[in-house]
Amino acid sequence: MPAIDMDTIKPVGEFGSKAWGEACAQSAITMLQSVELPSNINWAFTEDYTHPPERLLIDGRSKSGYHIVVKNGKVSAGDGITEESLTIPGFHVQLPWAYICNQSGMLYGRDGQKQRSSDEQALMADIIAYIGNDNPFNFPINGKGKPSGMLDPVGAWPTEVGLAFSEGGEEGNGLHNIAATLQMDSPEFEGMPVTKMRVPIFKKMTDAQKQNYLSICGLKK
C-alpha cells in the first residue's frame, strides 16, 4: 500500500514555489521512511528550475527547486538546492522553469511519461529550429556528445528508492503524481496551445506567444 493517501493531497503552490518544494520534499521523506533502506545507500536528487518568475523567489530564496538526500541510508529533503546534495551521485537536473512547469502538473503513469517525453522532444526541436541554435539552453554536453539537462555526478537510482517513489504510480499515486497534485497552475500558460500532456506546442503559438515563451525560458531570438 502506498505510504501517502492521494485523497489527503491538495494544491499548495505553483511549480517551483517554496510551499510546493517543501511539500514535495516532505512527501519524499514520508515515502522513503516507509521502506527499509540499506545503510550503504548514498544518493541524491536535485531539480533546479532556472529563470523562475520573480514571485517565486521570496523569503531569501535564490533558487527554485528542491532536493532529496539519502546518506548512509538516512533520508533528508527540503526546498532549495544544498551544496551537499550536489556532490552526491544521483539524479541532478537543471532546466528552465517554463520548459517543464505546465506539464509537471499532469498526472500519469509509464505511458504518460513516454508521451510527455515525446512531446518535450518536439518542443525542443521547434525551439532549436526557430532560434537556430542546437543547444539553446546551453546544456552541458554529456558522455554521448549531446546537450543534456542532467548534471554530474550522475548515479543510478537505488532499487529501494525507485520502488518507493513509483509505488502505485499506474493507479495515480507515486512521487510524480503527488507533486503534480500539489501544484497550482501558473498564469504564464493561460491560453497557450498545449498537448494532451500539457506540454506547450511552440509551432502553434502566435508570434507574441513565441516571444513571450522564449523570454520566460530565458531565451531571445
N, C-alpha and C. Protein backbone atom coordinates (compact mmCIF):
# COMPACT_ATOMS: atom_id res chain seq x y z
N MET A 1 0.85 -1.20 0.00
CA MET A 1 0.00 0.00 0.00
C MET A 1 0.89 1.25 0.00
N PRO A 2 0.60 2.23 -0.88
CA PRO A 2 1.39 3.46 -0.90
C PRO A 2 1.41 4.15 0.46
N ALA A 3 2.54 4.81 0.73
CA ALA A 3 2.72 5.46 2.02
C ALA A 3 1.84 6.69 2.19
N ILE A 4 1.41 7.29 1.08
CA ILE A 4 0.62 8.52 1.14
C ILE A 4 -0.72 8.31 0.45
N ASP A 5 -1.78 8.69 1.12
CA ASP A 5 -3.13 8.62 0.57
C ASP A 5 -3.36 9.84 -0.32
N MET A 6 -3.59 9.62 -1.62
CA MET A 6 -3.77 10.75 -2.53
C MET A 6 -4.95 11.62 -2.16
N ASP A 7 -5.94 11.07 -1.46
CA ASP A 7 -7.10 11.87 -1.07
C ASP A 7 -6.74 12.96 -0.07
N THR A 8 -5.55 12.85 0.54
CA THR A 8 -5.12 13.86 1.52
C THR A 8 -4.29 14.96 0.88
N ILE A 9 -3.99 14.84 -0.43
CA ILE A 9 -3.13 15.80 -1.11
C ILE A 9 -3.96 16.90 -1.78
N LYS A 10 -3.59 18.14 -1.50
CA LYS A 10 -4.26 19.29 -2.10
C LYS A 10 -3.20 20.24 -2.66
N PRO A 11 -3.56 21.04 -3.68
CA PRO A 11 -2.61 22.01 -4.21
C PRO A 11 -2.14 22.99 -3.14
N VAL A 12 -0.83 23.27 -3.13
CA VAL A 12 -0.28 24.17 -2.11
C VAL A 12 0.44 25.36 -2.72
N GLY A 13 0.85 25.26 -3.99
CA GLY A 13 1.60 26.35 -4.59
C GLY A 13 1.98 26.04 -6.03
N GLU A 14 2.49 27.04 -6.71
CA GLU A 14 2.92 26.85 -8.09
C GLU A 14 4.15 25.94 -8.16
N PHE A 15 4.35 25.36 -9.33
CA PHE A 15 5.54 24.58 -9.59
C PHE A 15 6.78 25.43 -9.30
N GLY A 16 7.67 24.89 -8.48
CA GLY A 16 8.89 25.61 -8.14
C GLY A 16 8.78 26.59 -7.01
N SER A 17 7.57 26.76 -6.45
CA SER A 17 7.41 27.68 -5.32
C SER A 17 7.96 27.05 -4.05
N LYS A 18 8.17 27.86 -3.04
CA LYS A 18 8.69 27.36 -1.77
C LYS A 18 7.71 26.38 -1.13
N ALA A 19 6.43 26.74 -1.11
CA ALA A 19 5.42 25.86 -0.48
C ALA A 19 5.37 24.52 -1.20
N TRP A 20 5.43 24.56 -2.52
CA TRP A 20 5.39 23.33 -3.32
C TRP A 20 6.65 22.49 -3.09
N GLY A 21 7.81 23.12 -3.10
CA GLY A 21 9.06 22.40 -2.89
C GLY A 21 9.11 21.74 -1.51
N GLU A 22 8.66 22.47 -0.51
CA GLU A 22 8.65 21.90 0.85
C GLU A 22 7.70 20.72 0.94
N ALA A 23 6.55 20.84 0.28
CA ALA A 23 5.57 19.74 0.33
C ALA A 23 6.08 18.52 -0.43
N CYS A 24 6.73 18.73 -1.57
CA CYS A 24 7.31 17.61 -2.32
C CYS A 24 8.38 16.92 -1.49
N ALA A 25 9.23 17.72 -0.86
CA ALA A 25 10.31 17.16 -0.05
C ALA A 25 9.76 16.34 1.12
N GLN A 26 8.74 16.87 1.79
CA GLN A 26 8.16 16.14 2.92
C GLN A 26 7.50 14.85 2.45
N SER A 27 6.87 14.87 1.28
CA SER A 27 6.26 13.66 0.73
C SER A 27 7.34 12.61 0.45
N ALA A 28 8.47 13.06 -0.10
CA ALA A 28 9.58 12.14 -0.40
C ALA A 28 10.10 11.50 0.88
N ILE A 29 10.23 12.30 1.93
CA ILE A 29 10.69 11.76 3.21
C ILE A 29 9.72 10.69 3.72
N THR A 30 8.44 11.00 3.68
CA THR A 30 7.43 10.04 4.15
C THR A 30 7.51 8.73 3.37
N MET A 31 7.65 8.84 2.05
CA MET A 31 7.69 7.64 1.21
C MET A 31 8.95 6.81 1.47
N LEU A 32 10.09 7.47 1.63
CA LEU A 32 11.33 6.73 1.83
C LEU A 32 11.45 6.17 3.24
N GLN A 33 10.86 6.86 4.21
CA GLN A 33 10.91 6.36 5.58
C GLN A 33 9.93 5.21 5.81
N SER A 34 9.06 4.97 4.83
CA SER A 34 8.10 3.87 4.96
C SER A 34 8.69 2.54 4.51
N VAL A 35 9.89 2.58 3.93
CA VAL A 35 10.56 1.35 3.48
C VAL A 35 11.89 1.22 4.20
N GLU A 36 12.44 0.03 4.15
CA GLU A 36 13.74 -0.20 4.79
C GLU A 36 14.85 0.05 3.77
N LEU A 37 15.60 1.12 4.00
CA LEU A 37 16.68 1.48 3.09
C LEU A 37 18.00 0.91 3.61
N PRO A 38 18.75 0.23 2.77
CA PRO A 38 20.07 -0.28 3.18
C PRO A 38 20.97 0.87 3.64
N SER A 39 21.79 0.60 4.63
CA SER A 39 22.64 1.66 5.20
C SER A 39 23.76 2.08 4.27
N ASN A 40 23.96 1.36 3.18
CA ASN A 40 25.05 1.72 2.27
C ASN A 40 24.58 2.60 1.11
N ILE A 41 23.31 3.04 1.12
CA ILE A 41 22.82 3.90 0.05
C ILE A 41 23.27 5.34 0.28
N ASN A 42 23.97 5.88 -0.71
CA ASN A 42 24.34 7.29 -0.72
C ASN A 42 23.94 7.83 -2.10
N TRP A 43 22.88 8.61 -2.13
CA TRP A 43 22.27 9.03 -3.39
C TRP A 43 21.54 10.34 -3.17
N ALA A 44 21.49 11.15 -4.20
CA ALA A 44 20.81 12.44 -4.07
C ALA A 44 19.98 12.75 -5.31
N PHE A 45 19.00 13.58 -5.11
CA PHE A 45 18.09 14.05 -6.16
C PHE A 45 18.00 15.56 -6.04
N THR A 46 18.24 16.27 -7.14
CA THR A 46 18.03 17.71 -7.15
C THR A 46 17.36 18.11 -8.45
N GLU A 47 16.42 19.03 -8.35
CA GLU A 47 15.81 19.65 -9.52
C GLU A 47 15.93 21.16 -9.35
N ASP A 48 16.67 21.76 -10.24
CA ASP A 48 16.95 23.20 -10.20
C ASP A 48 16.26 23.84 -11.40
N TYR A 49 15.26 24.69 -11.13
CA TYR A 49 14.47 25.31 -12.19
C TYR A 49 14.98 26.72 -12.42
N THR A 50 15.63 26.94 -13.56
CA THR A 50 16.24 28.24 -13.83
C THR A 50 15.21 29.22 -14.41
N HIS A 51 15.52 30.50 -14.30
CA HIS A 51 14.68 31.59 -14.81
C HIS A 51 13.24 31.51 -14.28
N PRO A 52 13.08 31.27 -12.98
CA PRO A 52 11.70 31.24 -12.43
C PRO A 52 11.12 32.65 -12.36
N PRO A 53 9.81 32.78 -12.32
CA PRO A 53 9.21 34.10 -12.11
C PRO A 53 9.69 34.70 -10.79
N GLU A 54 9.86 36.00 -10.77
CA GLU A 54 10.36 36.67 -9.57
C GLU A 54 9.49 36.39 -8.35
N ARG A 55 8.19 36.19 -8.58
CA ARG A 55 7.27 35.98 -7.45
C ARG A 55 7.61 34.70 -6.67
N LEU A 56 8.35 33.77 -7.29
CA LEU A 56 8.71 32.53 -6.60
C LEU A 56 9.96 32.67 -5.75
N LEU A 57 10.72 33.75 -5.99
CA LEU A 57 11.97 33.95 -5.23
C LEU A 57 11.69 34.86 -4.04
N ILE A 58 11.00 34.28 -3.06
CA ILE A 58 10.63 35.02 -1.86
C ILE A 58 11.36 34.45 -0.66
N ASP A 59 11.31 35.18 0.45
CA ASP A 59 11.90 34.73 1.72
C ASP A 59 13.36 34.35 1.55
N GLY A 60 14.09 35.14 0.77
CA GLY A 60 15.52 34.91 0.63
C GLY A 60 15.91 33.80 -0.31
N ARG A 61 14.95 33.24 -1.04
CA ARG A 61 15.28 32.17 -1.98
C ARG A 61 16.12 32.73 -3.14
N SER A 62 17.18 31.98 -3.49
CA SER A 62 17.98 32.35 -4.65
C SER A 62 17.76 31.37 -5.79
N LYS A 63 17.13 30.22 -5.49
CA LYS A 63 16.86 29.20 -6.48
C LYS A 63 15.46 28.66 -6.32
N SER A 64 14.94 28.13 -7.43
CA SER A 64 13.65 27.44 -7.42
C SER A 64 13.94 25.96 -7.64
N GLY A 65 13.52 25.14 -6.70
CA GLY A 65 13.78 23.71 -6.81
C GLY A 65 13.81 23.06 -5.44
N TYR A 66 14.06 21.76 -5.43
CA TYR A 66 14.16 21.07 -4.15
C TYR A 66 15.14 19.91 -4.25
N HIS A 67 15.47 19.33 -3.10
CA HIS A 67 16.47 18.27 -3.06
C HIS A 67 16.03 17.14 -2.15
N ILE A 68 16.56 15.96 -2.43
CA ILE A 68 16.37 14.77 -1.58
C ILE A 68 17.74 14.13 -1.44
N VAL A 69 18.11 13.76 -0.23
CA VAL A 69 19.40 13.10 0.01
C VAL A 69 19.18 11.84 0.84
N VAL A 70 19.78 10.75 0.39
CA VAL A 70 19.84 9.52 1.19
C VAL A 70 21.32 9.29 1.47
N LYS A 71 21.71 9.45 2.73
CA LYS A 71 23.12 9.32 3.11
C LYS A 71 23.25 8.25 4.18
N ASN A 72 23.99 7.22 3.85
CA ASN A 72 24.13 6.06 4.74
C ASN A 72 22.76 5.52 5.14
N GLY A 73 21.84 5.56 4.17
CA GLY A 73 20.50 5.02 4.40
C GLY A 73 19.55 5.96 5.11
N LYS A 74 20.03 7.15 5.53
CA LYS A 74 19.19 8.12 6.24
C LYS A 74 18.69 9.18 5.27
N VAL A 75 17.44 9.58 5.43
CA VAL A 75 16.79 10.47 4.46
C VAL A 75 16.67 11.90 4.98
N SER A 76 16.98 12.85 4.10
CA SER A 76 16.69 14.25 4.37
C SER A 76 16.25 14.88 3.05
N ALA A 77 15.49 15.95 3.14
CA ALA A 77 14.99 16.61 1.93
C ALA A 77 14.48 17.98 2.32
N GLY A 78 14.39 18.86 1.32
CA GLY A 78 13.88 20.19 1.61
C GLY A 78 13.82 21.06 0.37
N ASP A 79 13.26 22.23 0.56
CA ASP A 79 13.22 23.21 -0.52
C ASP A 79 14.64 23.69 -0.80
N GLY A 80 14.91 24.07 -2.05
CA GLY A 80 16.22 24.59 -2.40
C GLY A 80 17.21 23.50 -2.78
N ILE A 81 18.39 23.93 -3.18
CA ILE A 81 19.44 23.01 -3.60
C ILE A 81 20.63 23.21 -2.68
N THR A 82 21.01 22.20 -1.91
CA THR A 82 22.12 22.33 -0.98
C THR A 82 23.44 21.95 -1.64
N GLU A 83 24.54 22.49 -1.12
CA GLU A 83 25.86 22.16 -1.65
C GLU A 83 26.14 20.67 -1.49
N GLU A 84 25.74 20.10 -0.35
CA GLU A 84 25.98 18.68 -0.13
C GLU A 84 25.26 17.82 -1.15
N SER A 85 23.99 18.15 -1.43
CA SER A 85 23.22 17.33 -2.36
C SER A 85 23.85 17.29 -3.74
N LEU A 86 24.50 18.38 -4.15
CA LEU A 86 25.10 18.44 -5.48
C LEU A 86 26.40 17.65 -5.60
N THR A 87 26.95 17.23 -4.46
CA THR A 87 28.20 16.47 -4.50
C THR A 87 27.97 14.96 -4.50
N ILE A 88 26.74 14.53 -4.24
CA ILE A 88 26.44 13.10 -4.12
C ILE A 88 25.87 12.58 -5.44
N PRO A 89 26.45 11.51 -6.00
CA PRO A 89 25.93 10.97 -7.27
C PRO A 89 24.45 10.63 -7.17
N GLY A 90 23.72 10.95 -8.23
CA GLY A 90 22.29 10.67 -8.24
C GLY A 90 21.63 11.27 -9.45
N PHE A 91 20.42 11.79 -9.25
CA PHE A 91 19.61 12.39 -10.32
C PHE A 91 19.63 13.89 -10.13
N HIS A 92 20.39 14.58 -10.96
CA HIS A 92 20.54 16.03 -10.85
C HIS A 92 20.14 16.67 -12.16
N VAL A 93 19.13 17.53 -12.11
CA VAL A 93 18.60 18.16 -13.31
C VAL A 93 18.57 19.67 -13.14
N GLN A 94 18.96 20.38 -14.20
CA GLN A 94 18.85 21.83 -14.23
C GLN A 94 18.18 22.21 -15.54
N LEU A 95 16.95 22.70 -15.45
CA LEU A 95 16.15 23.00 -16.64
C LEU A 95 15.38 24.31 -16.43
N PRO A 96 15.10 25.04 -17.51
CA PRO A 96 14.30 26.26 -17.37
C PRO A 96 12.92 25.95 -16.79
N TRP A 97 12.52 26.77 -15.83
CA TRP A 97 11.23 26.60 -15.17
C TRP A 97 10.10 26.47 -16.18
N ALA A 98 10.07 27.38 -17.16
CA ALA A 98 8.95 27.41 -18.11
C ALA A 98 8.95 26.22 -19.05
N TYR A 99 10.09 25.58 -19.22
CA TYR A 99 10.18 24.45 -20.15
C TYR A 99 9.46 23.22 -19.61
N ILE A 100 9.37 23.08 -18.29
CA ILE A 100 8.77 21.87 -17.72
C ILE A 100 7.62 22.15 -16.75
N CYS A 101 7.34 23.42 -16.47
CA CYS A 101 6.34 23.76 -15.46
C CYS A 101 4.96 23.18 -15.74
N ASN A 102 4.38 23.54 -16.86
CA ASN A 102 2.97 23.24 -17.10
C ASN A 102 2.68 21.75 -17.11
N GLN A 103 3.51 20.98 -17.82
CA GLN A 103 3.29 19.54 -17.94
C GLN A 103 3.58 18.78 -16.65
N SER A 104 4.32 19.41 -15.74
CA SER A 104 4.59 18.75 -14.47
C SER A 104 3.35 18.64 -13.61
N GLY A 105 2.31 19.38 -13.97
CA GLY A 105 1.03 19.30 -13.25
C GLY A 105 0.09 18.24 -13.79
N MET A 106 0.57 17.42 -14.74
CA MET A 106 -0.26 16.37 -15.35
C MET A 106 -0.04 15.05 -14.63
N LEU A 107 -1.12 14.35 -14.28
CA LEU A 107 -1.00 13.04 -13.65
C LEU A 107 -0.83 11.97 -14.73
N TYR A 108 0.08 11.02 -14.51
CA TYR A 108 0.29 9.96 -15.48
C TYR A 108 1.11 8.82 -14.90
N GLY A 109 1.10 7.69 -15.66
CA GLY A 109 1.93 6.53 -15.34
C GLY A 109 3.04 6.41 -16.38
N ARG A 110 3.51 5.18 -16.63
CA ARG A 110 4.63 4.97 -17.54
C ARG A 110 4.33 5.45 -18.95
N ASP A 111 3.15 5.13 -19.47
CA ASP A 111 2.81 5.54 -20.84
C ASP A 111 2.72 7.06 -20.94
N GLY A 112 2.17 7.68 -19.93
CA GLY A 112 2.08 9.13 -19.93
C GLY A 112 3.46 9.79 -19.89
N GLN A 113 4.37 9.17 -19.13
CA GLN A 113 5.74 9.70 -19.07
C GLN A 113 6.40 9.63 -20.45
N LYS A 114 6.18 8.53 -21.16
CA LYS A 114 6.74 8.40 -22.51
C LYS A 114 6.16 9.45 -23.45
N GLN A 115 4.85 9.67 -23.35
CA GLN A 115 4.22 10.67 -24.21
C GLN A 115 4.71 12.07 -23.88
N ARG A 116 4.85 12.36 -22.59
CA ARG A 116 5.38 13.67 -22.19
C ARG A 116 6.78 13.87 -22.77
N SER A 117 7.63 12.86 -22.66
CA SER A 117 8.99 12.97 -23.18
C SER A 117 8.98 13.21 -24.68
N SER A 118 8.09 12.51 -25.39
CA SER A 118 7.98 12.70 -26.83
C SER A 118 7.52 14.12 -27.17
N ASP A 119 6.55 14.63 -26.42
CA ASP A 119 6.05 15.99 -26.65
C ASP A 119 7.15 17.01 -26.36
N GLU A 120 7.93 16.76 -25.32
CA GLU A 120 9.00 17.69 -24.98
C GLU A 120 10.11 17.67 -26.03
N GLN A 121 10.37 16.51 -26.61
CA GLN A 121 11.36 16.44 -27.69
C GLN A 121 10.91 17.28 -28.88
N ALA A 122 9.60 17.23 -29.18
CA ALA A 122 9.06 18.04 -30.28
C ALA A 122 9.17 19.52 -29.94
N LEU A 123 8.90 19.88 -28.69
CA LEU A 123 9.02 21.28 -28.25
C LEU A 123 10.46 21.75 -28.42
N MET A 124 11.41 20.95 -27.99
CA MET A 124 12.82 21.32 -28.11
C MET A 124 13.21 21.48 -29.57
N ALA A 125 12.77 20.55 -30.42
CA ALA A 125 13.11 20.61 -31.85
C ALA A 125 12.57 21.90 -32.47
N ASP A 126 11.36 22.29 -32.09
CA ASP A 126 10.76 23.52 -32.63
C ASP A 126 11.53 24.76 -32.16
N ILE A 127 11.94 24.75 -30.90
CA ILE A 127 12.71 25.89 -30.37
C ILE A 127 14.06 25.99 -31.08
N ILE A 128 14.72 24.84 -31.26
CA ILE A 128 16.01 24.81 -31.95
C ILE A 128 15.88 25.37 -33.37
N ALA A 129 14.82 24.94 -34.07
CA ALA A 129 14.62 25.38 -35.44
C ALA A 129 14.34 26.89 -35.50
N TYR A 130 13.59 27.38 -34.54
CA TYR A 130 13.22 28.80 -34.52
C TYR A 130 14.40 29.68 -34.15
N ILE A 131 15.16 29.23 -33.13
CA ILE A 131 16.29 30.02 -32.62
C ILE A 131 17.50 29.91 -33.55
N GLY A 132 17.66 28.72 -34.16
CA GLY A 132 18.85 28.47 -34.97
C GLY A 132 20.06 28.13 -34.14
N ASN A 133 19.82 27.45 -33.02
CA ASN A 133 20.90 27.08 -32.10
C ASN A 133 20.64 25.66 -31.63
N ASP A 134 21.58 24.76 -31.86
CA ASP A 134 21.38 23.36 -31.50
C ASP A 134 21.35 23.13 -29.99
N ASN A 135 21.78 24.11 -29.22
CA ASN A 135 21.79 23.97 -27.76
C ASN A 135 21.31 25.28 -27.15
N PRO A 136 20.02 25.61 -27.36
CA PRO A 136 19.52 26.94 -26.94
C PRO A 136 19.61 27.20 -25.45
N PHE A 137 19.52 26.16 -24.62
CA PHE A 137 19.58 26.35 -23.17
C PHE A 137 21.00 26.21 -22.62
N ASN A 138 21.96 26.04 -23.52
CA ASN A 138 23.37 25.94 -23.11
C ASN A 138 23.58 24.81 -22.10
N PHE A 139 22.97 23.66 -22.38
CA PHE A 139 23.14 22.50 -21.52
C PHE A 139 24.58 21.98 -21.61
N PRO A 140 25.07 21.35 -20.54
CA PRO A 140 26.36 20.67 -20.62
C PRO A 140 26.29 19.54 -21.65
N ILE A 141 27.42 19.19 -22.24
CA ILE A 141 27.49 18.09 -23.19
C ILE A 141 27.78 16.81 -22.42
N ASN A 142 26.91 15.81 -22.59
CA ASN A 142 27.08 14.56 -21.83
C ASN A 142 28.08 13.62 -22.50
N GLY A 143 28.24 12.44 -21.92
CA GLY A 143 29.19 11.46 -22.42
C GLY A 143 28.90 10.97 -23.82
N LYS A 144 27.67 11.15 -24.27
CA LYS A 144 27.29 10.75 -25.62
C LYS A 144 27.47 11.89 -26.62
N GLY A 145 28.01 13.01 -26.14
CA GLY A 145 28.25 14.14 -27.02
C GLY A 145 27.03 14.97 -27.32
N LYS A 146 25.97 14.84 -26.48
CA LYS A 146 24.73 15.57 -26.71
C LYS A 146 24.43 16.51 -25.54
N PRO A 147 23.79 17.65 -25.81
CA PRO A 147 23.39 18.55 -24.73
C PRO A 147 22.38 17.85 -23.81
N SER A 148 22.53 18.06 -22.51
CA SER A 148 21.63 17.41 -21.56
C SER A 148 21.47 18.25 -20.31
N GLY A 149 20.22 18.30 -19.81
CA GLY A 149 19.95 18.98 -18.56
C GLY A 149 20.36 18.17 -17.35
N MET A 150 20.80 16.94 -17.56
CA MET A 150 21.31 16.11 -16.46
C MET A 150 22.71 16.57 -16.09
N LEU A 151 22.96 16.73 -14.82
CA LEU A 151 24.24 17.22 -14.35
C LEU A 151 25.04 16.12 -13.65
N ASP A 152 26.34 16.23 -13.69
CA ASP A 152 27.20 15.36 -12.90
C ASP A 152 27.17 15.81 -11.45
N PRO A 153 27.40 14.90 -10.48
CA PRO A 153 27.70 13.48 -10.66
C PRO A 153 26.43 12.62 -10.79
N VAL A 154 26.35 11.90 -11.90
CA VAL A 154 25.20 11.03 -12.14
C VAL A 154 25.37 9.73 -11.36
N GLY A 155 24.28 9.25 -10.78
CA GLY A 155 24.30 7.97 -10.06
C GLY A 155 23.02 7.22 -10.31
N ALA A 156 23.11 5.91 -10.39
CA ALA A 156 21.92 5.09 -10.64
C ALA A 156 20.91 5.23 -9.50
N TRP A 157 19.62 5.14 -9.88
CA TRP A 157 18.57 5.14 -8.86
C TRP A 157 18.69 3.86 -8.04
N PRO A 158 18.84 3.95 -6.72
CA PRO A 158 18.80 2.73 -5.90
C PRO A 158 17.45 2.04 -6.06
N THR A 159 17.44 0.73 -6.14
CA THR A 159 16.21 -0.02 -6.36
C THR A 159 15.14 0.34 -5.32
N GLU A 160 15.54 0.40 -4.06
CA GLU A 160 14.58 0.66 -2.99
C GLU A 160 13.96 2.06 -3.12
N VAL A 161 14.76 3.02 -3.54
CA VAL A 161 14.26 4.38 -3.72
C VAL A 161 13.28 4.43 -4.88
N GLY A 162 13.66 3.82 -6.00
CA GLY A 162 12.79 3.81 -7.17
C GLY A 162 11.45 3.15 -6.89
N LEU A 163 11.47 2.05 -6.16
CA LEU A 163 10.23 1.35 -5.84
C LEU A 163 9.35 2.18 -4.91
N ALA A 164 9.96 2.85 -3.94
CA ALA A 164 9.19 3.67 -3.00
C ALA A 164 8.52 4.83 -3.72
N PHE A 165 9.24 5.48 -4.62
CA PHE A 165 8.71 6.65 -5.32
C PHE A 165 7.69 6.29 -6.40
N SER A 166 7.77 5.07 -6.92
CA SER A 166 6.86 4.69 -8.01
C SER A 166 5.68 3.85 -7.55
N GLU A 167 5.64 3.48 -6.27
CA GLU A 167 4.56 2.61 -5.80
C GLU A 167 3.19 3.25 -6.06
N GLY A 168 2.35 2.50 -6.76
CA GLY A 168 1.01 2.99 -7.07
C GLY A 168 0.97 3.99 -8.21
N GLY A 169 2.09 4.16 -8.91
CA GLY A 169 2.17 5.17 -9.96
C GLY A 169 1.21 4.94 -11.11
N GLU A 170 0.93 3.68 -11.41
CA GLU A 170 0.00 3.38 -12.51
C GLU A 170 -1.45 3.63 -12.09
N GLU A 171 -1.68 3.75 -10.80
CA GLU A 171 -3.03 4.00 -10.29
C GLU A 171 -3.20 5.44 -9.82
N GLY A 172 -2.24 6.30 -10.13
CA GLY A 172 -2.38 7.71 -9.77
C GLY A 172 -1.62 8.13 -8.53
N ASN A 173 -0.82 7.23 -7.94
CA ASN A 173 -0.02 7.59 -6.78
C ASN A 173 1.43 7.77 -7.25
N GLY A 174 2.39 7.68 -6.35
CA GLY A 174 3.79 7.85 -6.71
C GLY A 174 4.22 9.30 -6.59
N LEU A 175 5.52 9.53 -6.46
CA LEU A 175 6.03 10.87 -6.19
C LEU A 175 5.65 11.87 -7.28
N HIS A 176 5.74 11.48 -8.55
CA HIS A 176 5.39 12.45 -9.60
C HIS A 176 3.94 12.91 -9.46
N ASN A 177 3.02 11.96 -9.28
CA ASN A 177 1.61 12.34 -9.21
C ASN A 177 1.28 13.12 -7.95
N ILE A 178 2.01 12.83 -6.88
CA ILE A 178 1.83 13.63 -5.65
C ILE A 178 2.27 15.06 -5.91
N ALA A 179 3.46 15.21 -6.53
CA ALA A 179 3.97 16.55 -6.85
C ALA A 179 3.02 17.29 -7.79
N ALA A 180 2.46 16.57 -8.77
CA ALA A 180 1.52 17.17 -9.71
C ALA A 180 0.26 17.64 -9.02
N THR A 181 -0.22 16.87 -8.06
CA THR A 181 -1.44 17.22 -7.33
C THR A 181 -1.20 18.40 -6.41
N LEU A 182 0.01 18.52 -5.89
CA LEU A 182 0.37 19.64 -5.02
C LEU A 182 0.49 20.95 -5.80
N GLN A 183 0.61 20.85 -7.12
CA GLN A 183 0.90 22.01 -7.98
C GLN A 183 -0.34 22.79 -8.37
N MET A 184 -0.24 24.11 -8.25
CA MET A 184 -1.26 25.02 -8.76
C MET A 184 -0.84 25.50 -10.15
N ASP A 185 -1.81 25.83 -10.99
CA ASP A 185 -1.50 26.34 -12.33
C ASP A 185 -0.80 27.69 -12.24
N SER A 186 0.07 27.95 -13.22
CA SER A 186 0.77 29.24 -13.31
C SER A 186 0.17 30.07 -14.44
N PRO A 187 0.00 31.36 -14.23
CA PRO A 187 -0.71 32.20 -15.20
C PRO A 187 -0.03 32.32 -16.56
N GLU A 188 1.28 32.07 -16.62
CA GLU A 188 2.00 32.20 -17.88
C GLU A 188 1.47 31.28 -18.98
N PHE A 189 0.79 30.21 -18.60
CA PHE A 189 0.37 29.22 -19.59
C PHE A 189 -1.11 29.32 -19.96
N GLU A 190 -1.79 30.31 -19.39
CA GLU A 190 -3.20 30.51 -19.73
C GLU A 190 -3.34 30.89 -21.20
N GLY A 191 -4.14 30.14 -21.95
CA GLY A 191 -4.36 30.42 -23.35
C GLY A 191 -3.29 29.92 -24.29
N MET A 192 -2.26 29.28 -23.75
CA MET A 192 -1.17 28.77 -24.58
C MET A 192 -1.57 27.43 -25.19
N PRO A 193 -1.27 27.19 -26.47
CA PRO A 193 -1.57 25.87 -27.04
C PRO A 193 -0.69 24.80 -26.42
N VAL A 194 -1.33 23.71 -25.98
CA VAL A 194 -0.58 22.63 -25.32
C VAL A 194 -1.09 21.28 -25.80
N THR A 195 -0.27 20.25 -25.61
CA THR A 195 -0.68 18.90 -25.96
C THR A 195 -1.58 18.33 -24.86
N LYS A 196 -2.04 17.11 -25.06
CA LYS A 196 -2.86 16.46 -24.04
C LYS A 196 -2.09 16.26 -22.74
N MET A 197 -0.75 16.25 -22.85
CA MET A 197 0.09 16.13 -21.65
C MET A 197 0.47 17.49 -21.09
N ARG A 198 -0.15 18.55 -21.61
CA ARG A 198 0.06 19.93 -21.15
C ARG A 198 1.41 20.51 -21.56
N VAL A 199 2.09 19.87 -22.49
CA VAL A 199 3.37 20.39 -23.00
C VAL A 199 3.09 21.51 -24.00
N PRO A 200 3.71 22.68 -23.87
CA PRO A 200 3.49 23.75 -24.84
C PRO A 200 3.80 23.31 -26.27
N ILE A 201 2.97 23.75 -27.21
CA ILE A 201 3.17 23.46 -28.64
C ILE A 201 3.70 24.74 -29.29
N PHE A 202 4.99 24.82 -29.45
CA PHE A 202 5.62 26.05 -29.92
C PHE A 202 5.13 26.46 -31.30
N LYS A 203 5.03 25.51 -32.21
CA LYS A 203 4.67 25.85 -33.59
C LYS A 203 3.25 26.37 -33.73
N LYS A 204 2.39 26.13 -32.74
CA LYS A 204 1.02 26.61 -32.78
C LYS A 204 0.84 27.94 -32.05
N MET A 205 1.90 28.44 -31.43
CA MET A 205 1.80 29.72 -30.72
C MET A 205 1.76 30.87 -31.72
N THR A 206 1.13 31.95 -31.31
CA THR A 206 1.21 33.18 -32.09
C THR A 206 2.63 33.74 -31.96
N ASP A 207 2.98 34.70 -32.81
CA ASP A 207 4.31 35.30 -32.72
C ASP A 207 4.54 35.90 -31.34
N ALA A 208 3.51 36.55 -30.80
CA ALA A 208 3.64 37.16 -29.47
C ALA A 208 3.84 36.08 -28.40
N GLN A 209 3.11 34.98 -28.52
CA GLN A 209 3.26 33.89 -27.55
C GLN A 209 4.66 33.27 -27.64
N LYS A 210 5.16 33.14 -28.87
CA LYS A 210 6.50 32.58 -29.04
C LYS A 210 7.55 33.46 -28.35
N GLN A 211 7.45 34.75 -28.58
CA GLN A 211 8.43 35.65 -27.97
C GLN A 211 8.31 35.63 -26.45
N ASN A 212 7.08 35.59 -25.95
CA ASN A 212 6.89 35.55 -24.50
C ASN A 212 7.41 34.24 -23.92
N TYR A 213 7.12 33.13 -24.61
CA TYR A 213 7.57 31.84 -24.09
C TYR A 213 9.10 31.76 -24.07
N LEU A 214 9.73 32.22 -25.14
CA LEU A 214 11.19 32.22 -25.16
C LEU A 214 11.74 33.08 -24.03
N SER A 215 11.08 34.21 -23.78
CA SER A 215 11.53 35.11 -22.71
C SER A 215 11.47 34.45 -21.34
N ILE A 216 10.35 33.78 -21.04
CA ILE A 216 10.23 33.16 -19.72
C ILE A 216 11.10 31.92 -19.60
N CYS A 217 11.59 31.42 -20.73
CA CYS A 217 12.58 30.33 -20.70
C CYS A 217 14.00 30.87 -20.60
N GLY A 218 14.14 32.21 -20.60
CA GLY A 218 15.46 32.81 -20.53
C GLY A 218 16.16 32.91 -21.87
N LEU A 219 15.37 32.90 -22.97
CA LEU A 219 15.94 32.91 -24.31
C LEU A 219 15.52 34.16 -25.08
N LYS A 220 16.32 34.49 -26.06
CA LYS A 220 16.00 35.55 -27.01
C LYS A 220 16.38 35.07 -28.40
N LYS A 221 15.59 35.48 -29.40
CA LYS A 221 15.97 35.16 -30.77
C LYS A 221 16.85 36.27 -31.32
